[in-house]
Amino acid sequence: MGSRGYSSPVRAAQAEATRRTILDATISVIGEDLAGLSIPAVARRAGVSVPTVYRYFPDKEALLDAAADHVREGIGVPAGQSSPADLEDYLDSHRKIFRRLSDADPDTVGAVVATFGRGSGALDLEGRRDWLAPAFAGILDDWTEVDRRNFLSIASILH
């Protein structure tokens, strides 16, 4: 016997609502106490069972990555955004992010900080420096390699 290939828009909407509830609960737990983040804590906060959380996220790492994307989406910072073209683009991007965060609740701000470097398209620090370097082309040319690297590290952390 094969599967029927049943598809239901209502079930798909319910599944997406449950997934978002789990992610919202994750952000809330992270915002209050990152050390207290556990699958059971998220399940309790979301009002679902532990197996339900695992149905959507195979482990805590996958949950954290999805939460990072979810919180950024919630404040209007798209995952996988392109590298800033120049200094003004970089500064404009920061102004928008800071405005959004200034209006965000404390749990969201805590989740943004706690999930730094996670989510789709996440880069390690060296990758983030390389990603931002074009925005500062021409500006850092006279700087020593160490100073340029340190500056780009700080800019990467802030971005």
N, C-alpha and C. Protein backbone atom coordinates (compact mmCIF):
# COMPACT_ATOMS: atom_id res chain seq x y z
N MET A 1 0.83 -1.19 0.00
CA MET A 1 0.00 0.00 0.00
C MET A 1 0.87 1.24 0.00
N GLY A 2 0.53 2.20 -0.81
CA GLY A 2 1.27 3.46 -0.88
C GLY A 2 0.55 4.55 -0.12
N SER A 3 1.20 5.68 0.00
CA SER A 3 0.56 6.81 0.69
C SER A 3 -0.40 7.51 -0.27
N ARG A 4 -1.37 8.17 0.29
CA ARG A 4 -2.40 8.81 -0.53
C ARG A 4 -1.98 10.17 -1.05
N GLY A 5 -0.91 10.73 -0.54
CA GLY A 5 -0.50 12.06 -1.00
C GLY A 5 -1.47 13.14 -0.56
N TYR A 6 -2.07 12.96 0.59
CA TYR A 6 -3.04 13.91 1.12
C TYR A 6 -2.37 15.23 1.47
N SER A 7 -3.00 16.32 1.09
CA SER A 7 -2.48 17.64 1.40
C SER A 7 -3.64 18.51 1.89
N SER A 8 -3.42 19.18 3.00
CA SER A 8 -4.47 20.03 3.55
C SER A 8 -3.92 21.40 3.89
N PRO A 9 -4.46 22.44 3.27
CA PRO A 9 -4.01 23.79 3.61
C PRO A 9 -4.25 24.14 5.09
N VAL A 10 -5.33 23.61 5.66
CA VAL A 10 -5.63 23.88 7.07
C VAL A 10 -4.55 23.25 7.96
N ARG A 11 -4.19 22.00 7.67
CA ARG A 11 -3.15 21.33 8.46
C ARG A 11 -1.80 22.03 8.28
N ALA A 12 -1.51 22.47 7.07
CA ALA A 12 -0.25 23.18 6.83
C ALA A 12 -0.21 24.48 7.62
N ALA A 13 -1.33 25.19 7.68
CA ALA A 13 -1.40 26.44 8.45
C ALA A 13 -1.26 26.16 9.94
N GLN A 14 -1.88 25.06 10.42
CA GLN A 14 -1.76 24.70 11.83
C GLN A 14 -0.31 24.32 12.17
N ALA A 15 0.33 23.60 11.28
CA ALA A 15 1.72 23.20 11.50
C ALA A 15 2.62 24.43 11.56
N GLU A 16 2.40 25.39 10.66
CA GLU A 16 3.21 26.61 10.67
C GLU A 16 2.93 27.42 11.93
N ALA A 17 1.68 27.46 12.38
CA ALA A 17 1.35 28.18 13.61
C ALA A 17 2.03 27.53 14.81
N THR A 18 2.05 26.20 14.85
CA THR A 18 2.72 25.50 15.94
C THR A 18 4.22 25.77 15.91
N ARG A 19 4.80 25.73 14.73
CA ARG A 19 6.23 26.00 14.58
C ARG A 19 6.56 27.41 15.09
N ARG A 20 5.74 28.39 14.71
CA ARG A 20 5.97 29.77 15.15
C ARG A 20 5.78 29.91 16.67
N THR A 21 4.82 29.19 17.22
CA THR A 21 4.60 29.22 18.67
C THR A 21 5.84 28.68 19.39
N ILE A 22 6.40 27.60 18.87
CA ILE A 22 7.61 27.03 19.45
C ILE A 22 8.77 28.01 19.35
N LEU A 23 8.91 28.66 18.21
CA LEU A 23 9.99 29.64 18.04
C LEU A 23 9.79 30.85 18.94
N ASP A 24 8.56 31.33 19.06
CA ASP A 24 8.30 32.45 19.98
C ASP A 24 8.64 32.07 21.41
N ALA A 25 8.28 30.84 21.80
CA ALA A 25 8.61 30.36 23.15
C ALA A 25 10.12 30.26 23.34
N THR A 26 10.82 29.83 22.31
CA THR A 26 12.28 29.74 22.37
C THR A 26 12.88 31.11 22.60
N ILE A 27 12.40 32.10 21.86
CA ILE A 27 12.90 33.47 22.01
C ILE A 27 12.62 33.98 23.42
N SER A 28 11.46 33.67 23.93
CA SER A 28 11.11 34.10 25.28
C SER A 28 12.04 33.46 26.32
N VAL A 29 12.30 32.16 26.19
CA VAL A 29 13.19 31.47 27.12
C VAL A 29 14.61 32.03 27.01
N ILE A 30 15.08 32.21 25.78
CA ILE A 30 16.44 32.76 25.57
C ILE A 30 16.54 34.16 26.17
N GLY A 31 15.53 34.98 25.93
CA GLY A 31 15.55 36.35 26.42
C GLY A 31 15.59 36.44 27.93
N GLU A 32 14.98 35.48 28.61
CA GLU A 32 14.97 35.48 30.07
C GLU A 32 16.25 34.88 30.65
N ASP A 33 16.70 33.75 30.04
CA ASP A 33 17.82 33.03 30.64
C ASP A 33 18.36 32.03 29.63
N LEU A 34 19.39 32.43 28.89
CA LEU A 34 19.96 31.54 27.87
C LEU A 34 20.41 30.22 28.49
N ALA A 35 20.95 30.27 29.69
CA ALA A 35 21.42 29.04 30.35
C ALA A 35 20.27 28.10 30.65
N GLY A 36 19.07 28.64 30.78
CA GLY A 36 17.89 27.82 31.07
C GLY A 36 17.22 27.25 29.83
N LEU A 37 17.83 27.46 28.67
CA LEU A 37 17.24 26.97 27.43
C LEU A 37 17.35 25.45 27.35
N SER A 38 16.22 24.81 27.27
CA SER A 38 16.16 23.36 27.08
C SER A 38 14.90 23.06 26.28
N ILE A 39 14.88 21.92 25.65
CA ILE A 39 13.68 21.53 24.89
C ILE A 39 12.47 21.45 25.81
N PRO A 40 12.58 20.83 27.00
CA PRO A 40 11.41 20.82 27.90
C PRO A 40 10.95 22.23 28.31
N ALA A 41 11.89 23.15 28.55
CA ALA A 41 11.51 24.52 28.92
C ALA A 41 10.76 25.19 27.78
N VAL A 42 11.22 24.98 26.56
CA VAL A 42 10.55 25.56 25.39
C VAL A 42 9.16 24.94 25.23
N ALA A 43 9.06 23.62 25.39
CA ALA A 43 7.77 22.94 25.26
C ALA A 43 6.77 23.48 26.29
N ARG A 44 7.23 23.63 27.55
CA ARG A 44 6.33 24.18 28.59
C ARG A 44 5.85 25.57 28.21
N ARG A 45 6.79 26.42 27.78
CA ARG A 45 6.45 27.80 27.44
C ARG A 45 5.49 27.84 26.24
N ALA A 46 5.69 26.94 25.28
CA ALA A 46 4.85 26.93 24.07
C ALA A 46 3.51 26.24 24.30
N GLY A 47 3.40 25.48 25.39
CA GLY A 47 2.16 24.75 25.64
C GLY A 47 2.01 23.53 24.74
N VAL A 48 3.14 22.93 24.39
CA VAL A 48 3.12 21.72 23.56
C VAL A 48 3.96 20.66 24.27
N SER A 49 3.91 19.45 23.76
CA SER A 49 4.70 18.37 24.35
C SER A 49 6.14 18.42 23.83
N VAL A 50 7.03 17.79 24.57
CA VAL A 50 8.43 17.70 24.14
C VAL A 50 8.53 17.01 22.79
N PRO A 51 7.81 15.88 22.56
CA PRO A 51 7.88 15.26 21.23
C PRO A 51 7.42 16.19 20.10
N THR A 52 6.50 17.08 20.39
CA THR A 52 6.06 18.03 19.36
C THR A 52 7.20 18.95 18.96
N VAL A 53 7.97 19.43 19.93
CA VAL A 53 9.12 20.27 19.61
C VAL A 53 10.08 19.50 18.73
N TYR A 54 10.34 18.24 19.09
CA TYR A 54 11.27 17.41 18.31
C TYR A 54 10.72 17.08 16.92
N ARG A 55 9.42 17.09 16.76
CA ARG A 55 8.83 16.86 15.45
C ARG A 55 9.23 17.98 14.48
N TYR A 56 9.36 19.18 15.00
CA TYR A 56 9.71 20.33 14.18
C TYR A 56 11.22 20.59 14.12
N PHE A 57 11.91 20.27 15.22
CA PHE A 57 13.34 20.57 15.33
C PHE A 57 14.05 19.35 15.90
N PRO A 58 14.96 18.74 15.15
CA PRO A 58 15.57 17.48 15.59
C PRO A 58 16.45 17.59 16.84
N ASP A 59 16.96 18.80 17.13
CA ASP A 59 17.80 18.98 18.31
C ASP A 59 17.84 20.46 18.68
N LYS A 60 18.49 20.75 19.79
CA LYS A 60 18.55 22.13 20.28
C LYS A 60 19.29 23.04 19.31
N GLU A 61 20.31 22.52 18.64
CA GLU A 61 21.06 23.33 17.67
C GLU A 61 20.15 23.79 16.53
N ALA A 62 19.34 22.88 16.00
CA ALA A 62 18.41 23.25 14.92
C ALA A 62 17.38 24.25 15.43
N LEU A 63 16.94 24.08 16.66
CA LEU A 63 15.99 25.02 17.26
C LEU A 63 16.61 26.41 17.39
N LEU A 64 17.86 26.47 17.86
CA LEU A 64 18.54 27.77 17.99
C LEU A 64 18.74 28.43 16.63
N ASP A 65 19.14 27.66 15.63
CA ASP A 65 19.32 28.23 14.29
C ASP A 65 18.01 28.80 13.76
N ALA A 66 16.93 28.04 13.92
CA ALA A 66 15.63 28.51 13.46
C ALA A 66 15.17 29.73 14.25
N ALA A 67 15.46 29.74 15.56
CA ALA A 67 15.09 30.88 16.39
C ALA A 67 15.85 32.13 15.96
N ALA A 68 17.12 31.97 15.59
CA ALA A 68 17.91 33.11 15.11
C ALA A 68 17.27 33.73 13.88
N ASP A 69 16.88 32.89 12.93
CA ASP A 69 16.23 33.40 11.72
C ASP A 69 14.88 34.03 12.06
N HIS A 70 14.14 33.38 12.97
CA HIS A 70 12.80 33.87 13.34
C HIS A 70 12.86 35.24 14.02
N VAL A 71 13.82 35.41 14.92
CA VAL A 71 13.90 36.70 15.62
C VAL A 71 14.35 37.80 14.67
N ARG A 72 15.26 37.49 13.76
CA ARG A 72 15.68 38.50 12.79
C ARG A 72 14.53 38.85 11.85
N GLU A 73 13.79 37.85 11.43
CA GLU A 73 12.62 38.10 10.58
C GLU A 73 11.62 38.99 11.31
N GLY A 74 11.47 38.74 12.62
CA GLY A 74 10.53 39.51 13.42
C GLY A 74 10.88 40.98 13.54
N ILE A 75 12.16 41.31 13.46
CA ILE A 75 12.56 42.72 13.53
C ILE A 75 12.89 43.27 12.14
N GLY A 76 12.62 42.46 11.11
CA GLY A 76 12.78 42.95 9.74
C GLY A 76 14.19 42.87 9.18
N VAL A 77 15.01 41.99 9.73
CA VAL A 77 16.36 41.80 9.20
C VAL A 77 16.36 40.46 8.46
N PRO A 78 16.36 40.49 7.14
CA PRO A 78 16.25 39.23 6.40
C PRO A 78 17.49 38.36 6.55
N ALA A 79 17.26 37.04 6.60
CA ALA A 79 18.38 36.10 6.60
C ALA A 79 19.04 36.15 5.23
N GLY A 80 20.34 36.03 5.21
CA GLY A 80 21.05 36.00 3.94
C GLY A 80 21.08 37.33 3.22
N GLN A 81 21.02 38.43 3.96
CA GLN A 81 21.06 39.73 3.30
C GLN A 81 22.41 39.93 2.62
N SER A 82 22.42 40.74 1.61
CA SER A 82 23.66 40.94 0.85
C SER A 82 24.63 41.83 1.63
N SER A 83 25.89 41.71 1.27
CA SER A 83 26.93 42.51 1.89
C SER A 83 26.69 43.98 1.60
N PRO A 84 26.93 44.86 2.59
CA PRO A 84 26.75 46.29 2.32
C PRO A 84 27.70 46.75 1.20
N ALA A 85 27.19 47.57 0.32
CA ALA A 85 27.96 48.00 -0.84
C ALA A 85 29.05 49.01 -0.48
N ASP A 86 28.77 49.83 0.52
CA ASP A 86 29.73 50.86 0.91
C ASP A 86 29.45 51.29 2.35
N LEU A 87 30.19 52.26 2.83
CA LEU A 87 30.04 52.70 4.21
C LEU A 87 28.63 53.23 4.49
N GLU A 88 28.08 54.00 3.60
CA GLU A 88 26.74 54.55 3.82
C GLU A 88 25.69 53.44 3.90
N ASP A 89 25.83 52.43 3.06
CA ASP A 89 24.92 51.28 3.09
C ASP A 89 25.04 50.56 4.43
N TYR A 90 26.27 50.39 4.91
CA TYR A 90 26.53 49.76 6.20
C TYR A 90 25.86 50.56 7.33
N LEU A 91 26.08 51.87 7.34
CA LEU A 91 25.51 52.73 8.38
C LEU A 91 23.99 52.75 8.32
N ASP A 92 23.44 52.81 7.11
CA ASP A 92 21.99 52.80 6.95
C ASP A 92 21.39 51.51 7.49
N SER A 93 22.05 50.40 7.21
CA SER A 93 21.60 49.10 7.70
C SER A 93 21.57 49.10 9.23
N HIS A 94 22.62 49.65 9.85
CA HIS A 94 22.68 49.71 11.31
C HIS A 94 21.59 50.61 11.88
N ARG A 95 21.37 51.72 11.25
CA ARG A 95 20.32 52.62 11.74
C ARG A 95 18.97 51.90 11.76
N LYS A 96 18.67 51.17 10.71
CA LYS A 96 17.40 50.44 10.64
C LYS A 96 17.32 49.37 11.72
N ILE A 97 18.40 48.61 11.88
CA ILE A 97 18.40 47.55 12.89
C ILE A 97 18.23 48.14 14.29
N PHE A 98 18.97 49.20 14.61
CA PHE A 98 18.88 49.80 15.93
C PHE A 98 17.49 50.39 16.18
N ARG A 99 16.88 50.99 15.16
CA ARG A 99 15.52 51.51 15.32
C ARG A 99 14.56 50.37 15.64
N ARG A 100 14.69 49.28 14.93
CA ARG A 100 13.80 48.13 15.16
C ARG A 100 14.02 47.55 16.55
N LEU A 101 15.28 47.44 16.95
CA LEU A 101 15.57 46.89 18.28
C LEU A 101 15.14 47.82 19.39
N SER A 102 15.18 49.12 19.16
CA SER A 102 14.77 50.05 20.21
C SER A 102 13.28 49.92 20.51
N ASP A 103 12.50 49.43 19.54
CA ASP A 103 11.07 49.22 19.73
C ASP A 103 10.74 47.79 20.17
N ALA A 104 11.73 46.92 20.20
CA ALA A 104 11.50 45.51 20.51
C ALA A 104 11.41 45.29 22.01
N ASP A 105 10.72 44.21 22.38
CA ASP A 105 10.63 43.86 23.80
C ASP A 105 11.98 43.28 24.26
N PRO A 106 12.23 43.29 25.57
CA PRO A 106 13.52 42.83 26.09
C PRO A 106 13.86 41.38 25.72
N ASP A 107 12.86 40.50 25.63
CA ASP A 107 13.14 39.11 25.26
C ASP A 107 13.68 39.03 23.84
N THR A 108 13.13 39.84 22.94
CA THR A 108 13.60 39.84 21.56
C THR A 108 15.03 40.35 21.48
N VAL A 109 15.32 41.42 22.20
CA VAL A 109 16.68 41.95 22.22
C VAL A 109 17.64 40.90 22.77
N GLY A 110 17.26 40.25 23.85
CA GLY A 110 18.09 39.19 24.42
C GLY A 110 18.30 38.05 23.45
N ALA A 111 17.27 37.69 22.71
CA ALA A 111 17.39 36.60 21.74
C ALA A 111 18.28 36.99 20.58
N VAL A 112 18.22 38.24 20.15
CA VAL A 112 19.10 38.70 19.07
C VAL A 112 20.55 38.57 19.51
N VAL A 113 20.85 39.02 20.71
CA VAL A 113 22.22 38.94 21.23
C VAL A 113 22.65 37.49 21.40
N ALA A 114 21.77 36.67 21.97
CA ALA A 114 22.13 35.28 22.26
C ALA A 114 22.30 34.43 21.01
N THR A 115 21.64 34.81 19.93
CA THR A 115 21.71 33.98 18.71
C THR A 115 22.65 34.57 17.67
N PHE A 116 23.48 35.54 18.06
CA PHE A 116 24.44 36.12 17.13
C PHE A 116 25.26 35.02 16.47
N GLY A 117 25.40 35.09 15.17
CA GLY A 117 26.22 34.12 14.44
C GLY A 117 25.51 32.81 14.17
N ARG A 118 24.22 32.73 14.40
CA ARG A 118 23.46 31.51 14.14
C ARG A 118 22.46 31.77 13.03
N GLY A 119 21.86 30.72 12.55
CA GLY A 119 20.81 30.82 11.56
C GLY A 119 21.32 30.56 10.15
N SER A 120 20.41 30.69 9.21
CA SER A 120 20.78 30.39 7.83
C SER A 120 21.80 31.40 7.33
N GLY A 121 22.77 30.92 6.64
CA GLY A 121 23.80 31.79 6.11
C GLY A 121 24.77 32.31 7.15
N ALA A 122 24.78 31.70 8.34
CA ALA A 122 25.66 32.16 9.40
C ALA A 122 27.12 31.98 8.97
N LEU A 123 27.92 32.97 9.31
CA LEU A 123 29.35 32.94 8.99
C LEU A 123 30.15 33.01 10.27
N ASP A 124 31.32 32.42 10.27
CA ASP A 124 32.21 32.60 11.41
C ASP A 124 32.78 34.02 11.33
N LEU A 125 33.55 34.41 12.34
CA LEU A 125 34.04 35.79 12.39
C LEU A 125 34.87 36.15 11.16
N GLU A 126 35.73 35.24 10.73
CA GLU A 126 36.55 35.52 9.54
C GLU A 126 35.66 35.71 8.31
N GLY A 127 34.66 34.88 8.17
CA GLY A 127 33.73 35.01 7.04
C GLY A 127 32.96 36.32 7.09
N ARG A 128 32.57 36.75 8.31
CA ARG A 128 31.86 38.02 8.45
C ARG A 128 32.78 39.20 8.11
N ARG A 129 34.06 39.11 8.50
CA ARG A 129 35.00 40.18 8.14
C ARG A 129 35.13 40.27 6.62
N ASP A 130 35.28 39.14 5.97
CA ASP A 130 35.39 39.12 4.50
C ASP A 130 34.11 39.66 3.86
N TRP A 131 32.98 39.33 4.46
CA TRP A 131 31.68 39.76 3.94
C TRP A 131 31.53 41.28 4.02
N LEU A 132 32.06 41.89 5.10
CA LEU A 132 31.94 43.34 5.30
C LEU A 132 33.05 44.15 4.64
N ALA A 133 34.17 43.55 4.35
CA ALA A 133 35.33 44.29 3.82
C ALA A 133 34.99 45.19 2.63
N PRO A 134 34.17 44.76 1.67
CA PRO A 134 33.89 45.66 0.54
C PRO A 134 33.23 46.98 0.95
N ALA A 135 32.48 46.98 2.04
CA ALA A 135 31.83 48.22 2.49
C ALA A 135 32.84 49.27 2.91
N PHE A 136 34.03 48.83 3.28
CA PHE A 136 35.06 49.75 3.76
C PHE A 136 36.22 49.89 2.78
N ALA A 137 36.01 49.44 1.57
CA ALA A 137 37.06 49.55 0.54
C ALA A 137 37.45 51.01 0.38
N GLY A 138 38.74 51.27 0.35
CA GLY A 138 39.26 52.63 0.20
C GLY A 138 39.40 53.36 1.52
N ILE A 139 38.61 53.01 2.50
CA ILE A 139 38.65 53.70 3.79
C ILE A 139 39.79 53.17 4.66
N LEU A 140 40.00 51.87 4.61
CA LEU A 140 40.98 51.23 5.48
C LEU A 140 42.31 50.94 4.78
N ASP A 141 42.48 51.44 3.57
CA ASP A 141 43.67 51.11 2.78
C ASP A 141 44.97 51.49 3.46
N ASP A 142 45.02 52.59 4.17
CA ASP A 142 46.26 53.04 4.80
C ASP A 142 46.47 52.44 6.19
N TRP A 143 45.54 51.64 6.64
CA TRP A 143 45.63 51.05 7.97
C TRP A 143 46.54 49.83 7.92
N THR A 144 47.15 49.50 9.05
CA THR A 144 47.94 48.27 9.11
C THR A 144 46.99 47.09 9.01
N GLU A 145 47.52 45.96 8.64
CA GLU A 145 46.69 44.74 8.52
C GLU A 145 46.03 44.40 9.85
N VAL A 146 46.76 44.54 10.95
CA VAL A 146 46.21 44.25 12.28
C VAL A 146 45.06 45.20 12.60
N ASP A 147 45.27 46.50 12.36
CA ASP A 147 44.21 47.48 12.64
C ASP A 147 42.98 47.23 11.75
N ARG A 148 43.22 46.93 10.49
CA ARG A 148 42.11 46.66 9.56
C ARG A 148 41.32 45.43 10.04
N ARG A 149 42.04 44.39 10.41
CA ARG A 149 41.40 43.15 10.88
C ARG A 149 40.60 43.40 12.17
N ASN A 150 41.18 44.15 13.10
CA ASN A 150 40.49 44.46 14.35
C ASN A 150 39.24 45.30 14.10
N PHE A 151 39.37 46.30 13.24
CA PHE A 151 38.21 47.13 12.93
C PHE A 151 37.10 46.29 12.30
N LEU A 152 37.45 45.45 11.33
CA LEU A 152 36.45 44.62 10.66
C LEU A 152 35.83 43.60 11.63
N SER A 153 36.61 43.16 12.61
CA SER A 153 36.05 42.26 13.63
C SER A 153 34.97 42.98 14.44
N ILE A 154 35.27 44.19 14.86
CA ILE A 154 34.30 44.97 15.63
C ILE A 154 33.07 45.27 14.77
N ALA A 155 33.28 45.69 13.53
CA ALA A 155 32.16 45.99 12.64
C ALA A 155 31.32 44.74 12.41
N SER A 156 31.96 43.58 12.33
CA SER A 156 31.24 42.32 12.12
C SER A 156 30.35 41.99 13.32
N ILE A 157 30.87 42.22 14.50
CA ILE A 157 30.09 41.95 15.70
C ILE A 157 28.90 42.89 15.80
N LEU A 158 29.09 44.13 15.43
CA LEU A 158 27.99 45.10 15.48
C LEU A 158 26.94 44.87 14.40
N HIS A 159 27.33 44.28 13.29
CA HIS A 159 26.40 44.13 12.17
C HIS A 159 25.51 42.94 12.34
